[in-house]
C-alpha atoms as a PDB file:
ATOM      1  CA  MET A   1      72.603  55.235 132.294  1.00  0.00           C
ATOM      2  CA  TYR A   2      72.355  57.815 129.888  1.00  0.00           C
ATOM      3  CA  SER A   3      72.157  56.581 126.169  1.00  0.00           C
ATOM      4  CA  GLN A   4      73.873  59.022 123.445  1.00  0.00           C
ATOM      5  CA  GLU A   5      70.168  59.807 122.468  1.00  0.00           C
ATOM      6  CA  ASP A   6      69.302  61.036 125.849  1.00  0.00           C
ATOM      7  CA  LEU A   7      72.910  63.369 125.606  1.00  0.00           C
ATOM      8  CA  ASN A   8      71.578  64.523 122.500  1.00  0.00           C
ATOM      9  CA  SER A   9      68.232  65.598 123.428  1.00  0.00           C
ATOM     10  CA  ALA A  10      69.776  67.184 126.456  1.00  0.00           C
ATOM     11  CA  VAL A  11      72.189  69.540 124.297  1.00  0.00           C
ATOM     12  CA  SER A  12      69.129  70.434 122.316  1.00  0.00           C
ATOM     13  CA  ALA A  13      67.167  71.498 125.239  1.00  0.00           C
ATOM     14  CA  GLY A  14      69.684  73.804 126.818  1.00  0.00           C
ATOM     15  CA  VAL A  15      70.221  71.741 129.880  1.00  0.00           C
ATOM     16  CA  ILE A  16      74.272  70.770 128.976  1.00  0.00           C
ATOM     17  CA  SER A  17      76.425  72.463 126.693  1.00  0.00           C
ATOM     18  CA  ALA A  18      77.877  70.812 123.413  1.00  0.00           C
ATOM     19  CA  GLU A  19      81.438  70.746 125.181  1.00  0.00           C
ATOM     20  CA  ALA A  20      80.457  69.593 128.291  1.00  0.00           C
ATOM     21  CA  ALA A  21      78.477  66.127 126.642  1.00  0.00           C
ATOM     22  CA  ASP A  22      81.630  65.647 124.458  1.00  0.00           C
ATOM     23  CA  ALA A  23      83.644  65.952 127.478  1.00  0.00           C
ATOM     24  CA  LEU A  24      81.820  63.339 129.266  1.00  0.00           C
ATOM     25  CA  ARG A  25      81.527  60.944 125.967  1.00  0.00           C
ATOM     26  CA  ALA A  26      85.358  61.543 126.105  1.00  0.00           C
ATOM     27  CA  HIS A  27      85.903  60.648 129.729  1.00  0.00           C
ATOM     28  CA  ILE A  28      83.531  57.507 129.554  1.00  0.00           C
ATOM     29  CA  ALA A  29      85.468  56.140 126.790  1.00  0.00           C
ATOM     30  CA  ALA A  30      89.043  56.699 128.208  1.00  0.00           C
ATOM     31  CA  GLN A  31      87.598  54.710 131.099  1.00  0.00           C
ATOM     32  CA  LYS A  32      86.782  51.755 129.030  1.00  0.00           C
ATOM     33  CA  ASP A  33      90.060  52.086 126.850  1.00  0.00           C
ATOM     34  CA  ALA A  34      87.574  52.234 123.796  1.00  0.00           C
ATOM     35  CA  THR A  35      85.797  55.117 121.806  1.00  0.00           C
ATOM     36  CA  THR A  36      82.224  54.972 122.205  1.00  0.00           C
ATOM     37  CA  ALA A  37      81.724  53.827 118.544  1.00  0.00           C
ATOM     38  CA  ASP A  38      83.671  51.011 119.808  1.00  0.00           C
ATOM     39  CA  ALA A  39      81.414  49.953 122.577  1.00  0.00           C
ATOM     40  CA  GLU A  40      78.327  49.449 120.053  1.00  0.00           C
ATOM     41  CA  HIS A  41      75.758  50.647 122.427  1.00  0.00           C
ATOM     42  CA  PHE A  42      72.264  50.161 121.950  1.00  0.00           C
ATOM     43  CA  ARG A  43      69.352  50.651 124.416  1.00  0.00           C
ATOM     44  CA  LEU A  44      67.348  47.536 125.389  1.00  0.00           C
ATOM     45  CA  ILE A  45      66.505  48.093 129.502  1.00  0.00           C
ATOM     46  CA  THR A  46      67.055  50.935 131.532  1.00  0.00           C
ATOM     47  CA  GLY A  47      65.781  49.331 134.605  1.00  0.00           C
ATOM     48  CA  PHE A  48      63.401  46.526 136.082  1.00  0.00           C
ATOM     49  CA  ASN A  49      60.363  48.677 135.290  1.00  0.00           C
ATOM     50  CA  ASP A  50      60.961  47.700 131.456  1.00  0.00           C
ATOM     51  CA  ILE A  51      60.955  44.302 132.187  1.00  0.00           C
ATOM     52  CA  PHE A  52      57.916  44.479 134.395  1.00  0.00           C
ATOM     53  CA  VAL A  53      55.891  46.539 131.425  1.00  0.00           C
ATOM     54  CA  SER A  54      57.590  43.926 128.537  1.00  0.00           C
ATOM     55  CA  ILE A  55      56.082  40.945 130.695  1.00  0.00           C
ATOM     56  CA  GLY A  56      52.733  42.809 130.878  1.00  0.00           C
ATOM     57  CA  VAL A  57      52.619  44.059 126.996  1.00  0.00           C
ATOM     58  CA  VAL A  58      53.575  39.779 126.392  1.00  0.00           C
ATOM     59  CA  ILE A  59      50.740  38.749 128.186  1.00  0.00           C
ATOM     60  CA  MET A  60      48.100  41.465 126.642  1.00  0.00           C
ATOM     61  CA  LEU A  61      49.224  40.727 123.010  1.00  0.00           C
ATOM     62  CA  VAL A  62      48.741  37.121 123.564  1.00  0.00           C
ATOM     63  CA  ALA A  63      45.297  37.625 124.930  1.00  0.00           C
ATOM     64  CA  MET A  64      44.347  39.550 121.888  1.00  0.00           C
ATOM     65  CA  GLY A  65      45.584  36.607 119.652  1.00  0.00           C
ATOM     66  CA  ALA A  66      43.762  33.996 121.578  1.00  0.00           C
ATOM     67  CA  ILE A  67      40.522  36.250 121.300  1.00  0.00           C
ATOM     68  CA  GLY A  68      41.064  36.522 117.653  1.00  0.00           C
ATOM     69  CA  ASP A  69      41.377  32.482 117.819  1.00  0.00           C
ATOM     70  CA  ALA A  70      37.998  32.344 119.324  1.00  0.00           C
ATOM     71  CA  LEU A  71      36.410  34.819 116.959  1.00  0.00           C
ATOM     72  CA  TYR A  72      37.745  33.464 113.713  1.00  0.00           C
ATOM     73  CA  SER A  73      39.415  30.123 113.387  1.00  0.00           C
ATOM     74  CA  ASN A  74      41.660  29.067 110.490  1.00  0.00           C
ATOM     75  CA  ASN A  75      42.498  25.498 110.874  1.00  0.00           C
ATOM     76  CA  ASN A  76      45.195  25.779 107.693  1.00  0.00           C
ATOM     77  CA  GLY A  77      46.591  28.854 108.735  1.00  0.00           C
ATOM     78  CA  PRO A  78      46.776  31.961 111.200  1.00  0.00           C
ATOM     79  CA  SER A  79      43.645  33.510 111.979  1.00  0.00           C
ATOM     80  CA  PRO A  80      43.306  36.936 110.414  1.00  0.00           C
ATOM     81  CA  ALA A  81      41.576  38.013 113.096  1.00  0.00           C
ATOM     82  CA  SER A  82      43.863  37.206 115.751  1.00  0.00           C
ATOM     83  CA  GLY A  83      46.731  38.992 113.601  1.00  0.00           C
ATOM     84  CA  PHE A  84      44.906  42.381 113.409  1.00  0.00           C
ATOM     85  CA  LEU A  85      44.007  42.419 116.903  1.00  0.00           C
ATOM     86  CA  VAL A  86      47.502  42.259 118.081  1.00  0.00           C
ATOM     87  CA  ALA A  87      48.575  44.477 115.588  1.00  0.00           C
ATOM     88  CA  GLY A  88      45.706  47.274 116.832  1.00  0.00           C
ATOM     89  CA  ALA A  89      46.801  46.287 120.613  1.00  0.00           C
ATOM     90  CA  ALA A  90      50.274  46.904 120.007  1.00  0.00           C
ATOM     91  CA  TRP A  91      50.087  50.115 118.131  1.00  0.00           C
ATOM     92  CA  LEU A  92      47.435  51.349 121.225  1.00  0.00           C
ATOM     93  CA  LEU A  93      49.880  50.264 123.681  1.00  0.00           C
ATOM     94  CA  ALA A  94      52.984  52.066 121.909  1.00  0.00           C
ATOM     95  CA  GLU A  95      50.991  55.615 122.195  1.00  0.00           C
ATOM     96  CA  PHE A  96      51.788  55.475 125.798  1.00  0.00           C
ATOM     97  CA  PHE A  97      55.063  52.997 126.372  1.00  0.00           C
ATOM     98  CA  THR A  98      56.603  54.022 123.266  1.00  0.00           C
ATOM     99  CA  LEU A  99      55.759  57.837 122.769  1.00  0.00           C
ATOM    100  CA  LYS A 100      55.418  59.322 126.306  1.00  0.00           C
ATOM    101  CA  LYS A 101      57.361  56.872 128.186  1.00  0.00           C
ATOM    102  CA  ARG A 102      60.259  56.069 125.809  1.00  0.00           C
ATOM    103  CA  MET A 103      60.797  52.556 126.863  1.00  0.00           C
ATOM    104  CA  ALA A 104      62.987  50.911 124.886  1.00  0.00           C
ATOM    105  CA  LEU A 105      62.411  46.896 125.335  1.00  0.00           C
ATOM    106  CA  PRO A 106      58.453  47.393 125.678  1.00  0.00           C
ATOM    107  CA  SER A 107      59.005  49.369 122.383  1.00  0.00           C
ATOM    108  CA  ILE A 108      60.627  46.610 120.598  1.00  0.00           C
ATOM    109  CA  LEU A 109      58.262  44.036 121.451  1.00  0.00           C
ATOM    110  CA  LEU A 110      55.567  46.220 120.586  1.00  0.00           C
ATOM    111  CA  LEU A 111      57.020  46.941 116.936  1.00  0.00           C
ATOM    112  CA  LEU A 112      57.475  43.151 116.545  1.00  0.00           C
ATOM    113  CA  GLY A 113      53.613  42.714 117.504  1.00  0.00           C
ATOM    114  CA  PHE A 114      52.755  45.251 115.494  1.00  0.00           C
ATOM    115  CA  VAL A 115      54.637  44.482 112.078  1.00  0.00           C
ATOM    116  CA  GLY A 116      54.056  40.321 113.141  1.00  0.00           C
ATOM    117  CA  GLY A 117      50.427  40.675 113.794  1.00  0.00           C
ATOM    118  CA  VAL A 118      49.808  43.007 110.379  1.00  0.00           C
ATOM    119  CA  PHE A 119      51.839  40.071 108.354  1.00  0.00           C
ATOM    120  CA  PHE A 120      49.895  37.237 109.794  1.00  0.00           C
ATOM    121  CA  GLY A 121      46.802  38.686 109.635  1.00  0.00           C
ATOM    122  CA  LEU A 122      47.440  39.003 105.851  1.00  0.00           C
ATOM    123  CA  LEU A 123      48.628  35.613 105.674  1.00  0.00           C
ATOM    124  CA  GLY A 124      45.443  34.575 107.069  1.00  0.00           C
ATOM    125  CA  PHE A 125      43.661  35.896 104.491  1.00  0.00           C
ATOM    126  CA  ALA A 126      46.127  34.729 101.690  1.00  0.00           C
ATOM    127  CA  VAL A 127      45.544  30.649 102.852  1.00  0.00           C
ATOM    128  CA  SER A 128      41.758  30.965 102.950  1.00  0.00           C
ATOM    129  CA  VAL A 129      42.309  32.231  99.230  1.00  0.00           C
ATOM    130  CA  ILE A 130      45.091  29.491  98.070  1.00  0.00           C
ATOM    131  CA  GLU A 131      42.600  26.587  99.656  1.00  0.00           C
ATOM    132  CA  SER A 132      40.178  27.205  96.784  1.00  0.00           C
ATOM    133  CA  SER A 133      42.610  27.615  93.871  1.00  0.00           C
ATOM    134  CA  ASP A 134      44.435  25.247  91.467  1.00  0.00           C
ATOM    135  CA  ASN A 135      47.267  27.088  91.156  1.00  0.00           C
ATOM    136  CA  ASN A 136      48.291  27.121  94.609  1.00  0.00           C
ATOM    137  CA  ASP A 137      52.290  27.676  94.244  1.00  0.00           C
ATOM    138  CA  THR A 138      52.223  30.788  91.889  1.00  0.00           C
ATOM    139  CA  LEU A 139      49.021  32.233  93.660  1.00  0.00           C
ATOM    140  CA  GLY A 140      50.614  31.861  97.088  1.00  0.00           C
ATOM    141  CA  ALA A 141      53.622  33.480  96.431  1.00  0.00           C
ATOM    142  CA  ILE A 142      51.890  36.336  94.844  1.00  0.00           C
ATOM    143  CA  LEU A 143      49.768  36.666  97.531  1.00  0.00           C
ATOM    144  CA  VAL A 144      52.408  36.615 100.048  1.00  0.00           C
ATOM    145  CA  SER A 145      54.491  39.056  98.549  1.00  0.00           C
ATOM    146  CA  GLY A 146      51.696  41.173  98.776  1.00  0.00           C
ATOM    147  CA  ALA A 147      51.349  40.908 102.272  1.00  0.00           C
ATOM    148  CA  GLY A 148      54.711  41.351 102.831  1.00  0.00           C
ATOM    149  CA  LEU A 149      54.671  44.872 100.967  1.00  0.00           C
ATOM    150  CA  VAL A 150      51.552  45.979 103.024  1.00  0.00           C
ATOM    151  CA  THR A 151      53.325  44.969 106.099  1.00  0.00           C
ATOM    152  CA  ALA A 152      56.561  47.010 104.781  1.00  0.00           C
ATOM    153  CA  ALA A 153      53.979  50.253 104.150  1.00  0.00           C
ATOM    154  CA  ALA A 154      52.596  49.581 107.763  1.00  0.00           C
ATOM    155  CA  ALA A 155      56.535  49.198 109.362  1.00  0.00           C
ATOM    156  CA  TRP A 156      56.987  52.856 107.485  1.00  0.00           C
ATOM    157  CA  LEU A 157      53.687  54.159 109.027  1.00  0.00           C
ATOM    158  CA  HIS A 158      55.125  52.701 112.414  1.00  0.00           C
ATOM    159  CA  TRP A 159      58.540  54.349 111.754  1.00  0.00           C
ATOM    160  CA  LYS A 160      56.944  57.928 111.207  1.00  0.00           C
ATOM    161  CA  ARG A 161      55.004  58.217 114.071  1.00  0.00           C
ATOM    162  CA  PHE A 162      57.294  56.391 116.816  1.00  0.00           C
ATOM    163  CA  MET A 163      60.652  56.346 115.137  1.00  0.00           C
ATOM    164  CA  VAL A 164      61.929  52.843 117.173  1.00  0.00           C
ATOM    165  CA  PRO A 165      64.789  52.019 115.660  1.00  0.00           C
ATOM    166  CA  ILE A 166      64.330  48.111 114.901  1.00  0.00           C
ATOM    167  CA  THR A 167      61.624  49.083 112.654  1.00  0.00           C
ATOM    168  CA  ILE A 168      63.193  49.927 109.366  1.00  0.00           C
ATOM    169  CA  ALA A 169      65.022  46.511 109.813  1.00  0.00           C
ATOM    170  CA  ALA A 170      61.482  45.071 110.367  1.00  0.00           C
ATOM    171  CA  GLY A 171      59.918  46.678 107.082  1.00  0.00           C
ATOM    172  CA  THR A 172      62.946  45.659 105.233  1.00  0.00           C
ATOM    173  CA  ALA A 173      62.589  42.017 106.104  1.00  0.00           C
ATOM    174  CA  ALA A 174      59.012  42.370 105.064  1.00  0.00           C
ATOM    175  CA  LEU A 175      60.204  44.366 101.639  1.00  0.00           C
ATOM    176  CA  THR A 176      62.813  41.040 101.601  1.00  0.00           C
ATOM    177  CA  VAL A 177      59.994  38.853 101.833  1.00  0.00           C
ATOM    178  CA  THR A 178      57.729  40.457  98.876  1.00  0.00           C
ATOM    179  CA  VAL A 179      60.835  40.340  96.639  1.00  0.00           C
ATOM    180  CA  VAL A 180      61.833  36.838  96.968  1.00  0.00           C
ATOM    181  CA  ALA A 181      57.955  36.235  97.000  1.00  0.00           C
ATOM    182  CA  LEU A 182      57.674  37.661  93.492  1.00  0.00           C
ATOM    183  CA  ILE A 183      61.225  36.296  92.016  1.00  0.00           C
ATOM    184  CA  LEU A 184      59.998  32.933  92.929  1.00  0.00           C
ATOM    185  CA  ALA A 185      56.445  33.260  91.541  1.00  0.00           C
ATOM    186  CA  ALA A 186      58.111  34.659  88.256  1.00  0.00           C
ATOM    187  CA  ILE A 187      60.661  31.685  87.920  1.00  0.00           C
ATOM    188  CA  GLY A 188      58.043  28.698  88.999  1.00  0.00           C
ATOM    189  CA  ILE A 189      59.940  27.227  91.830  1.00  0.00           C
ATOM    190  CA  ASP A 190      58.976  23.787  90.841  1.00  0.00           C
ATOM    191  CA  THR A 191      60.804  23.820  87.498  1.00  0.00           C
ATOM    192  CA  PHE A 192      63.838  23.521  89.566  1.00  0.00           C
ATOM    193  CA  ALA A 193      65.506  20.114  90.752  1.00  0.00           C
ATOM    194  CA  GLU A 194      66.863  21.795  94.076  1.00  0.00           C
ATOM    195  CA  PRO A 195      64.448  24.620  94.864  1.00  0.00           C
ATOM    196  CA  GLU A 196      65.963  24.877  98.040  1.00  0.00           C
ATOM    197  CA  GLN A 197      69.085  25.772  96.371  1.00  0.00           C
ATOM    198  CA  VAL A 198      67.344  28.683  94.385  1.00  0.00           C
ATOM    199  CA  ILE A 199      65.854  30.162  97.586  1.00  0.00           C
ATOM    200  CA  LEU A 200      69.252  29.955  99.530  1.00  0.00           C
ATOM    201  CA  THR A 201      70.714  32.204  96.712  1.00  0.00           C
ATOM    202  CA  LEU A 202      68.168  34.716  97.170  1.00  0.00           C
ATOM    203  CA  VAL A 203      68.181  34.696 100.559  1.00  0.00           C
ATOM    204  CA  PHE A 204      72.008  35.269 100.280  1.00  0.00           C
ATOM    205  CA  VAL A 205      71.986  38.099  97.816  1.00  0.00           C
ATOM    206  CA  ALA A 206      69.345  39.880  99.984  1.00  0.00           C
ATOM    207  CA  GLY A 207      71.630  39.554 102.860  1.00  0.00           C
ATOM    208  CA  LEU A 208      74.480  41.035 101.280  1.00  0.00           C
ATOM    209  CA  ALA A 209      71.975  43.844 100.135  1.00  0.00           C
ATOM    210  CA  ILE A 210      70.778  44.089 103.881  1.00  0.00           C
ATOM    211  CA  PHE A 211      74.158  44.630 105.071  1.00  0.00           C
ATOM    212  CA  ALA A 212      74.960  47.263 102.338  1.00  0.00           C
ATOM    213  CA  PHE A 213      71.904  49.331 103.175  1.00  0.00           C
ATOM    214  CA  ALA A 214      73.347  48.672 106.820  1.00  0.00           C
ATOM    215  CA  MET A 215      76.366  50.085 106.352  1.00  0.00           C
ATOM    216  CA  ARG A 216      74.549  53.116 104.571  1.00  0.00           C
ATOM    217  CA  TRP A 217      73.412  53.695 107.910  1.00  0.00           C
ATOM    218  CA  ASP A 218      76.339  53.243 109.403  1.00  0.00           C
ATOM    219  CA  MET A 219      78.491  55.525 107.130  1.00  0.00           C
ATOM    220  CA  SER A 220      75.798  58.334 107.970  1.00  0.00           C
ATOM    221  CA  ASP A 221      76.964  58.413 111.949  1.00  0.00           C
ATOM    222  CA  THR A 222      80.597  56.870 111.911  1.00  0.00           C
ATOM    223  CA  SER A 223      80.996  58.417 115.690  1.00  0.00           C
ATOM    224  CA  ARG A 224      77.566  56.406 117.172  1.00  0.00           C
ATOM    225  CA  GLU A 225      75.890  59.168 118.319  1.00  0.00           C
ATOM    226  CA  THR A 226      72.321  58.924 117.297  1.00  0.00           C
ATOM    227  CA  ARG A 227      69.330  56.949 116.412  1.00  0.00           C
ATOM    228  CA  ARG A 228      71.036  56.112 113.022  1.00  0.00           C
ATOM    229  CA  SER A 229      73.429  53.650 114.502  1.00  0.00           C
ATOM    230  CA  ASP A 230      71.075  51.593 116.319  1.00  0.00           C
ATOM    231  CA  VAL A 231      68.741  51.513 113.165  1.00  0.00           C
ATOM    232  CA  ALA A 232      72.352  50.150 111.361  1.00  0.00           C
ATOM    233  CA  PHE A 233      72.627  47.953 114.115  1.00  0.00           C
ATOM    234  CA  TRP A 234      69.284  45.965 114.087  1.00  0.00           C
ATOM    235  CA  LEU A 235      70.179  45.959 109.905  1.00  0.00           C
ATOM    236  CA  HIS A 236      73.011  43.992 110.884  1.00  0.00           C
ATOM    237  CA  LEU A 237      71.534  41.821 112.974  1.00  0.00           C
ATOM    238  CA  LEU A 238      68.878  40.694 109.899  1.00  0.00           C
ATOM    239  CA  ALA A 239      71.520  40.522 107.500  1.00  0.00           C
ATOM    240  CA  ALA A 240      73.940  38.329 109.380  1.00  0.00           C
ATOM    241  CA  PRO A 241      71.899  35.008 109.205  1.00  0.00           C
ATOM    242  CA  MET A 242      70.906  35.728 105.728  1.00  0.00           C
ATOM    243  CA  ILE A 243      74.660  35.725 104.610  1.00  0.00           C
ATOM    244  CA  ALA A 244      76.003  32.793 107.097  1.00  0.00           C
ATOM    245  CA  HIS A 245      73.288  30.175 106.692  1.00  0.00           C
ATOM    246  CA  PRO A 246      73.308  29.901 102.764  1.00  0.00           C
ATOM    247  CA  VAL A 247      77.037  29.909 103.097  1.00  0.00           C
ATOM    248  CA  PHE A 248      77.424  27.324 105.431  1.00  0.00           C
ATOM    249  CA  THR A 249      74.571  25.409 103.934  1.00  0.00           C
ATOM    250  CA  LEU A 250      76.605  25.027 100.653  1.00  0.00           C
ATOM    251  CA  ILE A 251      79.613  24.245 102.357  1.00  0.00           C
ATOM    252  CA  GLY A 252      77.861  21.316 103.604  1.00  0.00           C
ATOM    253  CA  VAL A 253      77.449  21.951 107.409  1.00  0.00           C
ATOM    254  CA  THR A 254      73.851  21.005 107.939  1.00  0.00           C
ATOM    255  CA  ASP A 255      73.872  18.093 106.146  1.00  0.00           C
ATOM    256  CA  GLY A 256      74.739  15.903 109.353  1.00  0.00           C
ATOM    257  CA  ASN A 257      77.580  14.901 111.661  1.00  0.00           C
ATOM    258  CA  ASN A 258      80.214  13.553 109.070  1.00  0.00           C
ATOM    259  CA  ILE A 259      80.769  17.041 107.298  1.00  0.00           C
ATOM    260  CA  GLY A 260      84.683  15.658 106.045  1.00  0.00           C
ATOM    261  CA  ILE A 261      87.743  17.641 107.199  1.00  0.00           C
ATOM    262  CA  GLY A 262      87.299  19.605 104.023  1.00  0.00           C
ATOM    263  CA  ALA A 263      84.168  21.598 104.728  1.00  0.00           C
ATOM    264  CA  ALA A 264      85.276  21.817 108.274  1.00  0.00           C
ATOM    265  CA  VAL A 265      88.374  23.483 107.538  1.00  0.00           C
ATOM    266  CA  ALA A 266      86.111  25.952 105.352  1.00  0.00           C
ATOM    267  CA  VAL A 267      83.896  26.751 107.916  1.00  0.00           C
ATOM    268  CA  LEU A 268      86.867  28.157 110.106  1.00  0.00           C
ATOM    269  CA  ALA A 269      88.224  29.729 107.289  1.00  0.00           C
ATOM    270  CA  VAL A 270      84.962  31.368 106.621  1.00  0.00           C
ATOM    271  CA  TYR A 271      84.579  32.153 110.205  1.00  0.00           C
ATOM    272  CA  ILE A 272      87.996  34.079 109.891  1.00  0.00           C
ATOM    273  CA  ILE A 273      86.797  36.189 107.089  1.00  0.00           C
ATOM    274  CA  PHE A 274      83.633  36.826 108.840  1.00  0.00           C
ATOM    275  CA  GLY A 275      85.872  38.217 112.051  1.00  0.00           C
ATOM    276  CA  LEU A 276      87.731  40.486 109.652  1.00  0.00           C
ATOM    277  CA  VAL A 277      84.583  42.188 108.441  1.00  0.00           C
ATOM    278  CA  ALA A 278      83.355  42.341 111.636  1.00  0.00           C
ATOM    279  CA  LEU A 279      86.155  43.668 113.003  1.00  0.00           C
ATOM    280  CA  ALA A 280      86.227  46.372 110.026  1.00  0.00           C
ATOM    281  CA  VAL A 281      82.432  47.527 110.190  1.00  0.00           C
ATOM    282  CA  ASP A 282      82.885  47.392 114.154  1.00  0.00           C
ATOM    283  CA  ARG A 283      79.410  44.800 114.089  1.00  0.00           C
ATOM    284  CA  ARG A 284      79.828  41.403 115.938  1.00  0.00           C
ATOM    285  CA  ALA A 285      76.716  40.230 114.295  1.00  0.00           C
ATOM    286  CA  LEU A 286      78.207  38.116 111.563  1.00  0.00           C
ATOM    287  CA  LEU A 287      80.412  36.544 114.312  1.00  0.00           C
ATOM    288  CA  VAL A 288      77.405  35.698 116.345  1.00  0.00           C
ATOM    289  CA  SER A 289      75.316  34.128 113.626  1.00  0.00           C
ATOM    290  CA  ALA A 290      78.158  31.634 112.340  1.00  0.00           C
ATOM    291  CA  LEU A 291      78.807  30.232 115.948  1.00  0.00           C
ATOM    292  CA  ALA A 292      76.432  27.682 115.764  1.00  0.00           C
ATOM    293  CA  TYR A 293      78.599  26.262 112.478  1.00  0.00           C
ATOM    294  CA  VAL A 294      81.749  26.714 113.929  1.00  0.00           C
ATOM    295  CA  LEU A 295      80.881  24.694 117.167  1.00  0.00           C
ATOM    296  CA  ILE A 296      79.587  22.037 114.227  1.00  0.00           C
ATOM    297  CA  ALA A 297      82.476  22.123 112.787  1.00  0.00           C
ATOM    298  CA  LEU A 298      85.284  21.912 115.710  1.00  0.00           C
ATOM    299  CA  THR A 299      83.053  19.301 117.292  1.00  0.00           C
ATOM    300  CA  TRP A 300      84.045  17.068 114.261  1.00  0.00           C
ATOM    301  CA  LEU A 301      87.500  17.835 113.999  1.00  0.00           C
ATOM    302  CA  PHE A 302      88.084  16.712 117.692  1.00  0.00           C
ATOM    303  CA  ARG A 303      86.177  13.805 117.307  1.00  0.00           C
ATOM    304  CA  THR A 304      87.559  12.855 113.904  1.00  0.00           C
ATOM    305  CA  PHE A 305      91.072  13.101 115.934  1.00  0.00           C
ATOM    306  CA  GLY A 306      90.463  11.229 118.718  1.00  0.00           C
ATOM    307  CA  ALA A 307      88.870  13.456 121.443  1.00  0.00           C
ATOM    308  CA  VAL A 308      85.637  11.382 121.378  1.00  0.00           C
ATOM    309  CA  GLU A 309      84.674  12.443 125.277  1.00  0.00           C
ATOM    310  CA  LEU A 310      85.748  15.890 125.202  1.00  0.00           C
ATOM    311  CA  ASN A 311      84.706  16.923 121.823  1.00  0.00           C
ATOM    312  CA  PHE A 312      81.928  18.838 122.837  1.00  0.00           C
ATOM    313  CA  ALA A 313      83.692  20.207 126.253  1.00  0.00           C
ATOM    314  CA  LEU A 314      87.247  21.598 124.246  1.00  0.00           C
ATOM    315  CA  THR A 315      85.012  22.886 121.332  1.00  0.00           C
ATOM    316  CA  ALA A 316      83.209  25.031 124.113  1.00  0.00           C
ATOM    317  CA  LEU A 317      86.827  26.027 125.655  1.00  0.00           C
ATOM    318  CA  VAL A 318      88.512  26.388 122.358  1.00  0.00           C
ATOM    319  CA  ILE A 319      85.161  29.036 121.218  1.00  0.00           C
ATOM    320  CA  GLY A 320      84.609  30.510 124.664  1.00  0.00           C
ATOM    321  CA  SER A 321      88.142  31.272 125.078  1.00  0.00           C
ATOM    322  CA  ALA A 322      88.589  32.782 121.205  1.00  0.00           C
ATOM    323  CA  LEU A 323      85.450  35.157 121.816  1.00  0.00           C
ATOM    324  CA  LEU A 324      86.487  36.366 125.403  1.00  0.00           C
ATOM    325  CA  MET A 325      90.069  37.200 123.858  1.00  0.00           C
ATOM    326  CA  LEU A 326      88.437  38.906 121.065  1.00  0.00           C
ATOM    327  CA  SER A 327      86.217  40.764 123.525  1.00  0.00           C
ATOM    328  CA  ALA A 328      89.295  41.993 125.713  1.00  0.00           C
ATOM    329  CA  MET A 329      91.670  42.771 122.408  1.00  0.00           C
ATOM    330  CA  TRP A 330      89.051  43.745 120.390  1.00  0.00           C
ATOM    331  CA  THR A 331      90.066  47.946 119.929  1.00  0.00           C
ATOM    332  CA  PRO A 332      94.097  47.295 119.213  1.00  0.00           C
ATOM    333  CA  ILE A 333      93.177  44.444 116.779  1.00  0.00           C
ATOM    334  CA  ARG A 334      90.141  46.528 115.090  1.00  0.00           C
ATOM    335  CA  ARG A 335      92.992  49.438 114.763  1.00  0.00           C
ATOM    336  CA  ALA A 336      95.323  46.874 113.186  1.00  0.00           C
ATOM    337  CA  VAL A 337      92.886  45.627 110.790  1.00  0.00           C
ATOM    338  CA  VAL A 338      91.444  49.307 109.766  1.00  0.00           C
ATOM    339  CA  ASN A 339      94.637  50.431 109.445  1.00  0.00           C
ATOM    340  CA  ALA A 340      95.330  48.103 106.696  1.00  0.00           C
ATOM    341  CA  LEU A 341      92.605  49.294 104.941  1.00  0.00           C
ATOM    342  CA  PRO A 342      92.613  51.816 102.334  1.00  0.00           C
ATOM    343  CA  SER A 343      91.717  55.643 103.595  1.00  0.00           C
ATOM    344  CA  ASP A 344      89.078  56.042 101.893  1.00  0.00           C
ATOM    345  CA  PHE A 345      87.515  52.711 103.501  1.00  0.00           C
ATOM    346  CA  GLN A 346      88.841  54.300 106.693  1.00  0.00           C
ATOM    347  CA  SER A 347      87.276  57.539 106.514  1.00  0.00           C
ATOM    348  CA  ARG A 348      83.890  55.827 106.182  1.00  0.00           C
ATOM    349  CA  LEU A 349      84.227  53.232 109.066  1.00  0.00           C
ATOM    350  CA  PRO A 350      83.852  54.123 113.161  1.00  0.00           C
ATOM    351  CA  ALA A 351      87.400  55.605 113.985  1.00  0.00           C
ATOM    352  CA  ALA A 352      89.813  52.843 115.413  1.00  0.00           C
ATOM    353  CA  ASN A 353      90.963  53.779 119.389  1.00  0.00           C
ATOM    354  CA  ALA A 354      94.636  55.205 118.944  1.00  0.00           C
ATOM    355  CA  ALA A 355      95.345  55.104 122.519  1.00  0.00           C
END
């Protein structure tokens, strides 16, 4: 199976003409009754060798972490040596499996290992400093923000070297940690009666900002033929839970089983809104992130109205049927949603198939 990047590379190398590549894309799109953009492709696995190498990568990184723990053990937090050893090993392995072999799944794991190793290595040092300080909360927020900023810089270096699409999302997540931690340090989180609500509000705002950032990448490649579309995919995947969780927490879904009929109906209404947004931008991440909350709401509704023994089965049946129906009818439903939008918005979104 060949990706859009492979086709573009073949055209650049002169192996095939641009007209032949466009004809191949159109042929595949016609076979699937959808445009290339509608399929929301991204590279993950090109063969079993990707899985084979990924297993080896995970084992190697776990081994480096264990060695780091043995060299320097921090009982109250992550080991700095462990994090930095994992990050160093991930970078060196990426020089071969990402830069030369261009393997998708191992590259993703190595990026996560590198960024995670840098962050937890810095966090280990931060914990040791916090333990010797009296003002733990403020200092802790400042040190965590510093760790996030350095991690974002490390992700940027990784992007410049390897250009793995998920790297932008990882760096954005690190910057989000930096900004949220600095705000919490500035406002003094302990002064609020419900600090969790403040944190959720900040996460929600950050999620909206990341969604807007993802849309900027999406709008630069509405045909979804380049790496920019893959970058947008991972950014949407990062933004979706940051938007969904605060919203459904505010509704009261996470408070327990007895959420009330008003909250259950609100969950379904919000999910429909999420669905319309997902259809308009042709990204399914919001729908996936909100699934758990819809399952909780529907289960409560079925149990409340007497279907106690079958509540979970009925919930699974309704949700499963709805998702499969939406998947099968995605193109015509999306066409109707996009056509209802102003023409200025339509021009910035992936084209809806007119067939």
